[in-house]
């Protein structure tokens, strides 16, 4: 049903843009043959993800009962920032990357790619710090009901913390993969996906013997970092001068601001724990909310003092949108007064 709705919601706009569908099978059509050539590695890459899930299920069945549920719950929680920042940014910039490659504008391709790369880092690094520091509060507020015990909360929170160590890799992966797709290269993303799948299988199998379900999360995080490392290396060899020192400086500013934010968040979290009832839902919720808001405020302040390019771009975007909306509302009021 979800897949059908995903299709139907796009049809009105597609039809409005002038699409006229006509059933036709031309197996020798150049465009059709190109799609078939590109889609093969993509299908294999998707298959790697399914194999990963099967292996994790099998390995989880060999350890403590409920391990797979804890793994999936923690994975679902950490998927939120990945989908919100990583996937959404990658989907938004994909048409631009495709257009720049098609027009052979390598300079603008690299500019759009790096700008999006840094924007993803700007959002995902502070959220990584928040998720690690507030992992107990997040799990307790969202899942801590019914038969979900304190032991379950701690185990899920620990798994979430381990997942968060690879959040940057998971968030950047959709962008790098689509950068290759925009350049009509589906082979290298598949190679990276396949290698990371092998790493995940063997790392998880080894680590669960010592860490149980946390070993599954460790294996997943290690494989995600391996995947992004391979994609970065492949990108370096495929596109000349794609990486530069400005990227390192941006990452340093964001990381420094996130570290300061982390200390502030931890301090406020501890202080709030002393003045609210931690045995109540609202107590835990307020503790996490206030600590998170304080941390984000400090992160924004530090990033602004460091003149973070990504923050200035983000604030500029908000200002333009707000000013445009304000201007439109003002013109509307003037027109109503005149009429």
Protein backbone atom coordinates (compact mmCIF):
# COMPACT_ATOMS: atom_id res chain seq x y z
CA UNK A 1 0.00 0.00 0.00
CA UNK A 2 2.85 2.36 0.87
CA UNK A 3 4.56 1.68 -2.46
CA UNK A 4 1.30 2.31 -4.37
CA UNK A 5 0.76 5.62 -2.54
CA UNK A 6 4.39 6.54 -3.28
CA UNK A 7 3.57 6.15 -6.97
CA UNK A 8 0.13 7.77 -6.97
CA UNK A 9 1.23 10.93 -5.16
CA UNK A 10 3.68 11.67 -8.00
CA UNK A 11 1.35 11.00 -10.92
CA UNK A 12 -0.58 14.32 -10.91
CA UNK A 13 2.64 16.35 -11.23
CA UNK A 14 4.09 14.02 -13.86
CA UNK A 15 0.92 14.26 -15.95
CA UNK A 16 0.83 18.02 -15.50
CA UNK A 17 4.37 18.21 -16.88
CA UNK A 18 3.14 16.61 -20.09
CA UNK A 19 3.87 12.89 -19.81
CA UNK A 20 1.87 10.85 -22.29
CA UNK A 21 2.25 7.16 -21.61
CA UNK A 22 2.21 4.74 -24.52
CA UNK A 23 2.92 1.04 -24.08
CA UNK A 24 5.92 0.10 -26.20
CA UNK A 25 8.65 -2.54 -26.15
CA UNK A 26 11.78 -1.69 -28.10
CA UNK A 27 14.51 -3.94 -26.81
CA UNK A 28 17.08 -2.47 -29.18
CA UNK A 29 16.39 1.12 -28.14
CA UNK A 30 19.66 2.79 -27.06
CA UNK A 31 18.14 4.31 -23.92
CA UNK A 32 16.57 1.00 -22.88
CA UNK A 33 19.88 -0.83 -23.34
CA UNK A 34 21.67 1.82 -21.29
CA UNK A 35 19.20 1.43 -18.44
CA UNK A 36 19.62 -2.36 -18.51
CA UNK A 37 23.39 -1.93 -18.37
CA UNK A 38 23.22 0.43 -15.41
CA UNK A 39 20.50 -1.38 -13.47
CA UNK A 40 22.36 -4.70 -13.08
CA UNK A 41 24.91 -3.57 -10.45
CA UNK A 42 22.17 -1.55 -8.74
CA UNK A 43 20.01 -4.68 -8.32
CA UNK A 44 23.01 -6.58 -6.95
CA UNK A 45 23.68 -3.73 -4.52
CA UNK A 46 20.11 -3.90 -3.22
CA UNK A 47 20.48 -7.67 -2.92
CA UNK A 48 23.57 -7.13 -0.74
CA UNK A 49 21.42 -5.19 1.70
CA UNK A 50 18.86 -7.99 1.89
CA UNK A 51 21.60 -10.58 2.41
CA UNK A 52 22.91 -8.41 5.24
CA UNK A 53 19.49 -8.46 6.90
CA UNK A 54 19.21 -12.26 6.53
CA UNK A 55 22.67 -12.78 8.03
CA UNK A 56 21.91 -10.47 10.95
CA UNK A 57 18.65 -12.36 11.59
CA UNK A 58 20.45 -15.70 11.57
CA UNK A 59 23.23 -14.46 13.87
CA UNK A 60 20.74 -12.85 16.26
CA UNK A 61 18.89 -16.16 16.54
CA UNK A 62 22.04 -17.76 17.97
CA UNK A 63 22.28 -15.39 20.95
CA UNK A 64 19.96 -14.15 23.71
CA UNK A 65 16.23 -14.13 23.02
CA UNK A 66 15.03 -10.69 21.99
CA UNK A 67 18.38 -9.70 20.49
CA UNK A 68 16.95 -9.15 17.01
CA UNK A 69 14.17 -6.95 18.43
CA UNK A 70 16.70 -4.81 20.30
CA UNK A 71 18.89 -4.54 17.20
CA UNK A 72 15.94 -3.49 15.03
CA UNK A 73 14.59 -0.99 17.58
CA UNK A 74 17.98 0.71 17.93
CA UNK A 75 18.45 0.63 14.16
CA UNK A 76 15.05 2.27 13.62
CA UNK A 77 15.90 5.08 16.04
CA UNK A 78 19.25 5.84 14.42
CA UNK A 79 17.69 5.73 10.95
CA UNK A 80 15.74 8.93 11.68
CA UNK A 81 18.66 11.41 11.30
CA UNK A 82 20.05 9.36 8.40
CA UNK A 83 16.78 9.61 6.49
CA UNK A 84 16.04 13.19 7.54
CA UNK A 85 19.42 14.65 6.60
CA UNK A 86 21.36 12.11 4.52
CA UNK A 87 18.69 10.71 2.21
CA UNK A 88 16.69 13.94 1.81
CA UNK A 89 19.76 16.02 0.89
CA UNK A 90 21.00 13.34 -1.52
CA UNK A 91 17.61 13.09 -3.26
CA UNK A 92 17.35 16.87 -3.53
CA UNK A 93 20.76 17.35 -5.16
CA UNK A 94 20.63 14.26 -7.42
CA UNK A 95 18.88 16.01 -10.38
CA UNK A 96 21.43 18.85 -10.19
CA UNK A 97 24.37 16.44 -10.22
CA UNK A 98 22.87 14.55 -13.16
CA UNK A 99 22.31 17.78 -15.09
CA UNK A 100 25.84 19.07 -14.44
CA UNK A 101 27.39 15.79 -15.55
CA UNK A 102 25.23 15.66 -18.67
CA UNK A 103 26.33 19.21 -19.60
CA UNK A 104 29.98 18.29 -18.82
CA UNK A 105 30.18 21.06 -16.22
CA UNK A 106 32.67 19.37 -13.90
CA UNK A 107 33.31 22.52 -11.85
CA UNK A 108 29.65 22.99 -10.93
CA UNK A 109 29.26 19.24 -10.34
CA UNK A 110 32.04 19.32 -7.73
CA UNK A 111 30.66 22.54 -6.22
CA UNK A 112 27.15 21.11 -5.77
CA UNK A 113 28.49 17.80 -4.44
CA UNK A 114 30.86 19.36 -1.89
CA UNK A 115 28.29 21.91 -0.73
CA UNK A 116 25.79 19.13 -0.02
CA UNK A 117 28.51 16.96 1.56
CA UNK A 118 29.36 19.72 4.05
CA UNK A 119 25.71 20.51 4.77
CA UNK A 120 25.08 16.87 5.68
CA UNK A 121 28.10 16.91 8.00
CA UNK A 122 26.86 20.16 9.56
CA UNK A 123 23.61 18.51 10.62
CA UNK A 124 24.65 14.91 11.27
CA UNK A 125 27.69 15.56 13.53
CA UNK A 126 25.80 17.51 16.23
CA UNK A 127 22.87 15.09 16.06
CA UNK A 128 25.33 12.23 16.52
CA UNK A 129 26.60 13.86 19.71
CA UNK A 130 23.04 14.46 20.94
CA UNK A 131 21.95 10.90 20.23
CA UNK A 132 24.96 9.45 22.06
CA UNK A 133 24.57 11.65 25.14
CA UNK A 134 20.76 11.44 25.29
CA UNK A 135 20.41 7.84 24.11
CA UNK A 136 18.87 6.64 27.39
CA UNK A 137 16.31 9.46 27.35
CA UNK A 138 15.45 8.85 23.68
CA UNK A 139 14.92 5.12 24.16
CA UNK A 140 13.03 5.54 27.43
CA UNK A 141 10.63 8.17 26.06
CA UNK A 142 9.92 6.41 22.76
CA UNK A 143 10.00 2.75 23.79
CA UNK A 144 9.88 2.63 27.58
CA UNK A 145 6.36 1.35 28.12
CA UNK A 146 4.61 -1.91 28.88
CA UNK A 147 6.99 -4.84 29.23
CA UNK A 148 9.98 -2.86 27.95
CA UNK A 149 12.13 -3.07 31.10
CA UNK A 150 15.03 -0.93 32.30
CA UNK A 151 17.45 -3.67 31.18
CA UNK A 152 15.91 -3.55 27.70
CA UNK A 153 16.25 0.23 27.71
CA UNK A 154 19.95 0.14 28.63
CA UNK A 155 20.74 -2.56 26.05
CA UNK A 156 18.85 -0.75 23.28
CA UNK A 157 20.47 2.56 24.26
CA UNK A 158 23.94 0.98 24.16
CA UNK A 159 23.20 -0.46 20.71
CA UNK A 160 21.95 2.97 19.62
CA UNK A 161 25.17 4.57 20.86
CA UNK A 162 27.25 2.10 18.82
CA UNK A 163 25.12 2.73 15.73
CA UNK A 164 25.65 6.46 16.18
CA UNK A 165 29.42 6.06 15.76
CA UNK A 166 28.76 5.42 12.08
CA UNK A 167 25.96 7.95 11.58
CA UNK A 168 28.24 10.21 9.54
CA UNK A 169 29.02 7.31 7.19
CA UNK A 170 25.39 6.26 6.84
CA UNK A 171 24.26 9.84 6.20
CA UNK A 172 26.93 10.54 3.57
CA UNK A 173 26.48 7.21 1.78
CA UNK A 174 23.29 8.18 -0.15
CA UNK A 175 25.03 11.29 -1.48
CA UNK A 176 28.18 9.51 -2.65
CA UNK A 177 26.19 6.66 -4.19
CA UNK A 178 24.00 9.09 -6.13
CA UNK A 179 27.04 11.09 -7.23
CA UNK A 180 28.24 7.91 -8.93
CA UNK A 181 24.77 7.24 -10.34
CA UNK A 182 24.67 10.77 -11.76
CA UNK A 183 27.89 9.91 -13.61
CA UNK A 184 26.31 6.68 -14.96
CA UNK A 185 28.50 4.49 -12.76
CA UNK A 186 26.64 1.83 -10.78
CA UNK A 187 29.53 -0.64 -10.58
CA UNK A 188 31.69 1.09 -7.94
CA UNK A 189 28.81 1.60 -5.45
CA UNK A 190 28.04 -2.12 -5.82
CA UNK A 191 31.69 -3.05 -5.17
CA UNK A 192 31.71 -0.90 -2.02
CA UNK A 193 28.37 -2.38 -0.92
CA UNK A 194 29.54 -5.95 -1.51
CA UNK A 195 32.83 -5.47 0.38
CA UNK A 196 31.02 -3.85 3.32
CA UNK A 197 28.53 -6.72 3.35
CA UNK A 198 31.37 -9.25 3.67
CA UNK A 199 32.95 -7.16 6.43
CA UNK A 200 29.61 -6.97 8.26
CA UNK A 201 29.09 -10.75 8.10
CA UNK A 202 32.51 -11.67 9.48
CA UNK A 203 32.76 -8.78 11.96
CA UNK A 204 29.29 -9.49 13.38
CA UNK A 205 29.94 -13.25 13.58
CA UNK A 206 33.17 -12.61 15.51
CA UNK A 207 31.95 -9.81 17.79
CA UNK A 208 28.69 -11.43 18.96
CA UNK A 209 30.78 -14.10 20.66
CA UNK A 210 32.08 -11.44 23.04
CA UNK A 211 29.44 -8.67 23.06
CA UNK A 212 26.17 -10.40 22.15
CA UNK A 213 23.65 -8.15 20.38
CA UNK A 214 26.02 -5.20 20.74
CA UNK A 215 28.39 -7.13 18.48
CA UNK A 216 25.77 -6.94 15.71
CA UNK A 217 25.65 -3.15 16.07
CA UNK A 218 29.47 -3.01 16.06
CA UNK A 219 29.65 -5.09 12.89
CA UNK A 220 27.06 -2.86 11.21
CA UNK A 221 28.91 0.34 12.15
CA UNK A 222 32.28 -1.03 11.05
CA UNK A 223 30.88 -2.12 7.69
CA UNK A 224 29.22 1.30 7.17
CA UNK A 225 32.54 3.06 7.77
CA UNK A 226 34.29 0.66 5.38
CA UNK A 227 31.62 1.36 2.77
CA UNK A 228 31.98 5.15 2.96
CA UNK A 229 35.79 4.89 3.00
CA UNK A 230 35.74 2.89 -0.24
CA UNK A 231 33.33 5.33 -1.88
CA UNK A 232 35.55 8.28 -0.88
CA UNK A 233 38.62 6.56 -2.36
CA UNK A 234 36.76 5.63 -5.54
CA UNK A 235 35.53 9.22 -5.85
CA UNK A 236 39.08 10.54 -5.49
CA UNK A 237 40.28 8.43 -8.40
CA UNK A 238 37.26 9.12 -10.59
CA UNK A 239 37.04 12.91 -10.12
CA UNK A 240 40.24 14.95 -9.95
CA UNK A 241 40.59 17.40 -7.05
CA UNK A 242 37.17 16.50 -5.66
CA UNK A 243 38.48 16.70 -2.07
CA UNK A 244 40.26 19.82 -0.80
CA UNK A 245 41.48 21.43 2.43
CA UNK A 246 38.35 23.57 2.80
CA UNK A 247 36.40 20.40 3.54
CA UNK A 248 38.73 19.52 6.42
CA UNK A 249 38.44 23.02 7.88
CA UNK A 250 34.64 22.86 7.73
CA UNK A 251 34.65 19.42 9.39
CA UNK A 252 36.99 20.72 12.12
CA UNK A 253 34.74 23.70 12.93
CA UNK A 254 31.62 21.52 13.04
CA UNK A 255 33.31 18.86 15.19
CA UNK A 256 34.71 21.43 17.64
CA UNK A 257 31.29 23.06 18.02
CA UNK A 258 29.74 19.61 18.52
CA UNK A 259 32.27 18.74 21.24
CA UNK A 260 31.49 21.92 23.19
CA UNK A 261 27.80 21.18 22.68
CA UNK A 262 28.35 17.70 24.07
CA UNK A 263 29.83 19.00 27.34
CA UNK A 264 27.00 21.49 27.76
CA UNK A 265 24.35 18.88 26.98
CA UNK A 266 25.83 16.47 29.53
CA UNK A 267 25.97 19.19 32.20
CA UNK A 268 22.36 20.30 31.61
CA UNK A 269 21.19 16.67 31.48
CA UNK A 270 22.80 15.96 34.87
CA UNK A 271 21.37 19.16 36.36
CA UNK A 272 17.86 18.44 35.05
CA UNK A 273 18.07 14.92 36.50
CA UNK A 274 18.27 16.48 39.96
CA UNK A 275 15.17 18.67 39.66
CA UNK A 276 12.70 16.47 37.78
CA UNK A 277 11.11 13.16 38.71
CA UNK A 278 13.09 10.61 36.69
CA UNK A 279 10.53 7.91 37.46
CA UNK A 280 7.90 9.74 35.39
CA UNK A 281 7.56 10.02 31.62
CA UNK A 282 7.42 13.82 31.72
CA UNK A 283 10.54 13.97 33.89
CA UNK A 284 12.63 11.97 31.44
CA UNK A 285 11.10 13.85 28.50
CA UNK A 286 11.87 17.28 29.98
CA UNK A 287 15.39 16.24 30.89
CA UNK A 288 16.15 15.21 27.31
CA UNK A 289 14.30 18.15 25.75
CA UNK A 290 15.93 20.89 27.81
CA UNK A 291 19.40 19.33 27.53
CA UNK A 292 18.98 18.91 23.76
CA UNK A 293 17.78 22.49 23.20
CA UNK A 294 20.61 23.89 25.33
CA UNK A 295 23.13 21.80 23.41
CA UNK A 296 21.83 22.88 20.00
CA UNK A 297 21.84 26.53 21.09
CA UNK A 298 25.49 26.29 22.13
CA UNK A 299 26.39 24.46 18.92
CA UNK A 300 24.79 27.22 16.85
CA UNK A 301 26.57 29.93 18.85
CA UNK A 302 30.01 28.28 18.56
CA UNK A 303 29.51 27.58 14.85
CA UNK A 304 28.53 31.23 14.33
CA UNK A 305 31.59 32.50 16.23
CA UNK A 306 33.78 30.22 14.10
CA UNK A 307 32.05 31.62 10.99
CA UNK A 308 31.00 28.16 9.85
CA UNK A 309 30.19 28.40 6.16
CA UNK A 310 27.43 25.80 6.45
CA UNK A 311 25.67 27.69 9.26
CA UNK A 312 25.86 30.97 7.34
CA UNK A 313 24.46 29.30 4.23
CA UNK A 314 21.64 27.74 6.27
CA UNK A 315 20.79 31.02 8.01
CA UNK A 316 20.92 32.83 4.67
CA UNK A 317 18.51 30.32 3.19
CA UNK A 318 16.08 30.76 6.10
CA UNK A 319 16.35 34.53 5.81
CA UNK A 320 15.60 34.48 2.07
CA UNK A 321 12.60 32.20 2.52
CA UNK A 322 11.24 34.22 5.44
CA UNK A 323 11.80 37.53 3.65
CA UNK A 324 10.17 36.20 0.47
CA UNK A 325 7.14 35.02 2.46
CA UNK A 326 6.99 38.29 4.40
CA UNK A 327 7.21 40.29 1.16
CA UNK A 328 4.43 38.22 -0.45
CA UNK A 329 2.17 38.70 2.60
CA UNK A 330 2.91 42.44 2.64
CA UNK A 331 2.06 42.81 -1.06
CA UNK A 332 -1.15 40.83 -0.49
CA UNK A 333 -2.20 43.18 2.34
CA UNK A 334 -1.44 46.24 0.19
CA UNK A 335 -3.54 44.84 -2.67
CA UNK A 336 -6.44 44.19 -0.28
CA UNK A 337 -6.22 47.74 1.07
CA UNK A 338 -6.21 49.21 -2.45
CA UNK A 339 -9.20 47.13 -3.46
